[in-house]
C-alpha cells in the first residue's frame, strides 16, 4: 500500500522580477515512486485545470544538494543563501530558480526517509505496477 509525505512550503524565485514574493508549493514523496521527490505548484488563474504541476526529480539529488551542488539536466539543486536551498528547474520553455527553506526541505526528507530509508528504494519498487502505468500511458 503506497504511503506518502507532503510538506507545504513557501518558495521564492530569486532571479525573477519579484524575488521576495512567496509562492505556495509542496514537496511530495510517494512510496510508489521510491526514488523520486516532487516539487508541486498550483496552477494560478486556471479554473479549467486545478491540477498542480509537479517537477519530479531524484530524492538523492535533493538530499545531496542541500550541502553541495548536485544534479544535471532539467533539475539541479545546491545550497543557496543562508537557510535556503536553490532548485533550478529547466525545460523546453526556459528555466526557473526556486529558493526553498532548508529546514522545510530537511524535514520533508526526514519524513520520506522514514517511509523509505535511503538505500532501500529498490526494495519498494512494484515493477508490475510500473509496467502497467507505462502501457496505460502509451
C-alpha atoms as a PDB file:
ATOM      1  CA  UNK A   1       0.000   0.000   0.000  1.00  0.00           C
ATOM      2  CA  UNK A   2       1.572   3.297  -1.076  1.00  0.00           C
ATOM      3  CA  UNK A   3       2.179   5.899   1.586  1.00  0.00           C
ATOM      4  CA  UNK A   4       3.178   9.486   1.101  1.00  0.00           C
ATOM      5  CA  UNK A   5       4.742  12.538   2.675  1.00  0.00           C
ATOM      6  CA  UNK A   6       3.547  16.023   1.770  1.00  0.00           C
ATOM      7  CA  UNK A   7       5.221  19.152   3.101  1.00  0.00           C
ATOM      8  CA  UNK A   8       3.684  22.536   2.241  1.00  0.00           C
ATOM      9  CA  UNK A   9       6.155  25.390   1.931  1.00  0.00           C
ATOM     10  CA  UNK A  10       6.565  28.889   0.565  1.00  0.00           C
ATOM     11  CA  UNK A  11       9.234  29.319  -2.073  1.00  0.00           C
ATOM     12  CA  UNK A  12      10.617  32.341  -3.848  1.00  0.00           C
ATOM     13  CA  UNK A  13      12.039  32.884  -7.312  1.00  0.00           C
ATOM     14  CA  UNK A  14      15.227  34.864  -6.558  1.00  0.00           C
ATOM     15  CA  UNK A  15      16.132  35.523 -10.197  1.00  0.00           C
ATOM     16  CA  UNK A  16      12.666  36.853 -11.055  1.00  0.00           C
ATOM     17  CA  UNK A  17      11.484  40.490 -11.135  1.00  0.00           C
ATOM     18  CA  UNK A  18       9.763  39.808  -7.766  1.00  0.00           C
ATOM     19  CA  UNK A  19      12.414  37.842  -5.863  1.00  0.00           C
ATOM     20  CA  UNK A  20      10.861  38.237  -2.399  1.00  0.00           C
ATOM     21  CA  UNK A  21       7.259  37.289  -3.197  1.00  0.00           C
ATOM     22  CA  UNK A  22       6.406  33.946  -1.560  1.00  0.00           C
ATOM     23  CA  UNK A  23       4.691  31.340  -3.721  1.00  0.00           C
ATOM     24  CA  UNK A  24       2.874  28.351  -2.203  1.00  0.00           C
ATOM     25  CA  UNK A  25       4.296  24.964  -3.144  1.00  0.00           C
ATOM     26  CA  UNK A  26       4.537  21.432  -1.812  1.00  0.00           C
ATOM     27  CA  UNK A  27       7.269  18.844  -1.595  1.00  0.00           C
ATOM     28  CA  UNK A  28       5.761  15.401  -2.168  1.00  0.00           C
ATOM     29  CA  UNK A  29       7.015  11.851  -1.842  1.00  0.00           C
ATOM     30  CA  UNK A  30       5.118   8.651  -2.560  1.00  0.00           C
ATOM     31  CA  UNK A  31       6.380   5.167  -1.783  1.00  0.00           C
ATOM     32  CA  UNK A  32       5.164   4.004  -5.201  1.00  0.00           C
ATOM     33  CA  UNK A  33       7.952   6.195  -6.674  1.00  0.00           C
ATOM     34  CA  UNK A  34      10.673   5.499  -4.112  1.00  0.00           C
ATOM     35  CA  UNK A  35      13.493   7.268  -5.954  1.00  0.00           C
ATOM     36  CA  UNK A  36      11.580  10.479  -6.686  1.00  0.00           C
ATOM     37  CA  UNK A  37      10.596  13.677  -4.964  1.00  0.00           C
ATOM     38  CA  UNK A  38       8.122  16.146  -6.442  1.00  0.00           C
ATOM     39  CA  UNK A  39       8.073  19.919  -6.173  1.00  0.00           C
ATOM     40  CA  UNK A  40       4.457  20.852  -6.824  1.00  0.00           C
ATOM     41  CA  UNK A  41       2.997  24.238  -7.729  1.00  0.00           C
ATOM     42  CA  UNK A  42      -0.671  25.222  -8.027  1.00  0.00           C
ATOM     43  CA  UNK A  43      -1.777  26.466 -11.407  1.00  0.00           C
ATOM     44  CA  UNK A  44      -2.699  30.103 -10.814  1.00  0.00           C
ATOM     45  CA  UNK A  45      -5.636  31.568 -12.671  1.00  0.00           C
ATOM     46  CA  UNK A  46      -6.734  28.339 -14.384  1.00  0.00           C
ATOM     47  CA  UNK A  47     -10.316  27.458 -13.495  1.00  0.00           C
ATOM     48  CA  UNK A  48     -10.442  24.705 -16.126  1.00  0.00           C
ATOM     49  CA  UNK A  49      -7.483  22.814 -14.672  1.00  0.00           C
ATOM     50  CA  UNK A  50      -6.738  22.910 -10.963  1.00  0.00           C
ATOM     51  CA  UNK A  51      -4.263  20.010 -11.114  1.00  0.00           C
ATOM     52  CA  UNK A  52      -0.976  21.117  -9.557  1.00  0.00           C
ATOM     53  CA  UNK A  53       2.118  20.935 -11.731  1.00  0.00           C
ATOM     54  CA  UNK A  54       4.811  18.604 -10.408  1.00  0.00           C
ATOM     55  CA  UNK A  55       8.500  18.548 -11.181  1.00  0.00           C
ATOM     56  CA  UNK A  56       9.770  15.057 -10.391  1.00  0.00           C
ATOM     57  CA  UNK A  57      13.432  14.582  -9.635  1.00  0.00           C
ATOM     58  CA  UNK A  58      15.753  12.360  -7.651  1.00  0.00           C
ATOM     59  CA  UNK A  59      15.282  12.398  -3.901  1.00  0.00           C
ATOM     60  CA  UNK A  60      19.044  11.776  -3.645  1.00  0.00           C
ATOM     61  CA  UNK A  61      19.725  14.954  -5.648  1.00  0.00           C
ATOM     62  CA  UNK A  62      17.540  16.957  -3.263  1.00  0.00           C
ATOM     63  CA  UNK A  63      19.288  15.434  -0.257  1.00  0.00           C
ATOM     64  CA  UNK A  64      22.814  15.932  -1.594  1.00  0.00           C
ATOM     65  CA  UNK A  65      22.037  19.374  -2.989  1.00  0.00           C
ATOM     66  CA  UNK A  66      21.364  20.763   0.473  1.00  0.00           C
ATOM     67  CA  UNK A  67      25.125  20.550   1.068  1.00  0.00           C
ATOM     68  CA  UNK A  68      26.861  20.687  -2.330  1.00  0.00           C
ATOM     69  CA  UNK A  69      25.721  21.302  -5.913  1.00  0.00           C
ATOM     70  CA  UNK A  70      24.027  18.174  -7.289  1.00  0.00           C
ATOM     71  CA  UNK A  71      22.116  17.047 -10.337  1.00  0.00           C
ATOM     72  CA  UNK A  72      22.363  17.695 -14.033  1.00  0.00           C
ATOM     73  CA  UNK A  73      19.965  18.237 -16.859  1.00  0.00           C
ATOM     74  CA  UNK A  74      16.479  19.508 -16.044  1.00  0.00           C
ATOM     75  CA  UNK A  75      16.909  19.735 -12.261  1.00  0.00           C
ATOM     76  CA  UNK A  76      19.900  20.953 -10.303  1.00  0.00           C
ATOM     77  CA  UNK A  77      19.988  21.556  -6.553  1.00  0.00           C
ATOM     78  CA  UNK A  78      22.539  23.388  -4.439  1.00  0.00           C
ATOM     79  CA  UNK A  79      22.933  25.416  -1.282  1.00  0.00           C
ATOM     80  CA  UNK A  80      21.587  28.935  -1.613  1.00  0.00           C
ATOM     81  CA  UNK A  81      21.685  31.929   0.673  1.00  0.00           C
ATOM     82  CA  UNK A  82      21.817  31.213   4.410  1.00  0.00           C
ATOM     83  CA  UNK A  83      18.958  28.862   5.281  1.00  0.00           C
ATOM     84  CA  UNK A  84      17.958  28.281   1.659  1.00  0.00           C
ATOM     85  CA  UNK A  85      18.216  25.510  -0.930  1.00  0.00           C
ATOM     86  CA  UNK A  86      18.286  26.564  -4.603  1.00  0.00           C
ATOM     87  CA  UNK A  87      16.474  24.323  -7.059  1.00  0.00           C
ATOM     88  CA  UNK A  88      16.944  25.084 -10.738  1.00  0.00           C
ATOM     89  CA  UNK A  89      14.203  23.710 -12.992  1.00  0.00           C
ATOM     90  CA  UNK A  90      14.841  23.702 -16.745  1.00  0.00           C
ATOM     91  CA  UNK A  91      12.630  22.723 -19.629  1.00  0.00           C
ATOM     92  CA  UNK A  92      11.822  23.491 -23.235  1.00  0.00           C
ATOM     93  CA  UNK A  93      10.144  26.757 -22.220  1.00  0.00           C
ATOM     94  CA  UNK A  94      13.071  28.063 -20.178  1.00  0.00           C
ATOM     95  CA  UNK A  95      14.272  27.719 -16.635  1.00  0.00           C
ATOM     96  CA  UNK A  96      13.472  28.978 -13.153  1.00  0.00           C
ATOM     97  CA  UNK A  97      15.462  29.153  -9.945  1.00  0.00           C
ATOM     98  CA  UNK A  98      13.431  28.316  -6.853  1.00  0.00           C
ATOM     99  CA  UNK A  99      14.594  29.057  -3.323  1.00  0.00           C
ATOM    100  CA  UNK A 100      13.205  26.823  -0.569  1.00  0.00           C
ATOM    101  CA  UNK A 101      13.798  26.941   3.198  1.00  0.00           C
ATOM    102  CA  UNK A 102      16.475  24.422   4.194  1.00  0.00           C
ATOM    103  CA  UNK A 103      14.646  23.425   7.390  1.00  0.00           C
ATOM    104  CA  UNK A 104      11.472  22.527   5.460  1.00  0.00           C
ATOM    105  CA  UNK A 105      13.448  20.549   2.877  1.00  0.00           C
ATOM    106  CA  UNK A 106      15.293  18.704   5.678  1.00  0.00           C
ATOM    107  CA  UNK A 107      12.016  17.890   7.483  1.00  0.00           C
ATOM    108  CA  UNK A 108      10.474  16.624   4.242  1.00  0.00           C
ATOM    109  CA  UNK A 109      13.485  14.416   3.527  1.00  0.00           C
ATOM    110  CA  UNK A 110      13.480  13.027   7.084  1.00  0.00           C
ATOM    111  CA  UNK A 111       9.816  12.098   6.706  1.00  0.00           C
ATOM    112  CA  UNK A 112      10.424  10.492   3.295  1.00  0.00           C
ATOM    113  CA  UNK A 113      13.384   8.520   4.683  1.00  0.00           C
ATOM    114  CA  UNK A 114      11.132   7.181   7.450  1.00  0.00           C
ATOM    115  CA  UNK A 115       8.815   5.827   4.755  1.00  0.00           C
ATOM    116  CA  UNK A 116      11.611   4.517   2.504  1.00  0.00           C
ATOM    117  CA  UNK A 117      15.057   4.524   4.108  1.00  0.00           C
ATOM    118  CA  UNK A 118      17.941   5.739   1.976  1.00  0.00           C
ATOM    119  CA  UNK A 119      19.446   2.821   0.064  1.00  0.00           C
ATOM    120  CA  UNK A 120      16.291   0.647   0.203  1.00  0.00           C
ATOM    121  CA  UNK A 121      14.423   2.274  -2.680  1.00  0.00           C
ATOM    122  CA  UNK A 122      14.790  -0.808  -4.906  1.00  0.00           C
ATOM    123  CA  UNK A 123      13.005  -2.916  -2.304  1.00  0.00           C
ATOM    124  CA  UNK A 124       9.938  -0.696  -2.695  1.00  0.00           C
ATOM    125  CA  UNK A 125       9.602  -0.843  -6.484  1.00  0.00           C
ATOM    126  CA  UNK A 126       6.495  -2.534  -7.837  1.00  0.00           C
ATOM    127  CA  UNK A 127       7.690  -3.475 -11.323  1.00  0.00           C
ATOM    128  CA  UNK A 128       4.286  -4.854 -12.389  1.00  0.00           C
ATOM    129  CA  UNK A 129       2.573  -1.564 -11.492  1.00  0.00           C
ATOM    130  CA  UNK A 130       5.315   0.388 -13.270  1.00  0.00           C
ATOM    131  CA  UNK A 131       4.909  -1.634 -16.479  1.00  0.00           C
ATOM    132  CA  UNK A 132       1.114  -1.241 -16.299  1.00  0.00           C
ATOM    133  CA  UNK A 133       1.472   2.539 -15.865  1.00  0.00           C
ATOM    134  CA  UNK A 134       3.806   2.735 -18.875  1.00  0.00           C
ATOM    135  CA  UNK A 135       1.462   0.664 -21.028  1.00  0.00           C
ATOM    136  CA  UNK A 136      -1.557   2.737 -19.973  1.00  0.00           C
ATOM    137  CA  UNK A 137       0.258   5.957 -20.896  1.00  0.00           C
ATOM    138  CA  UNK A 138       1.288   4.673 -24.317  1.00  0.00           C
END
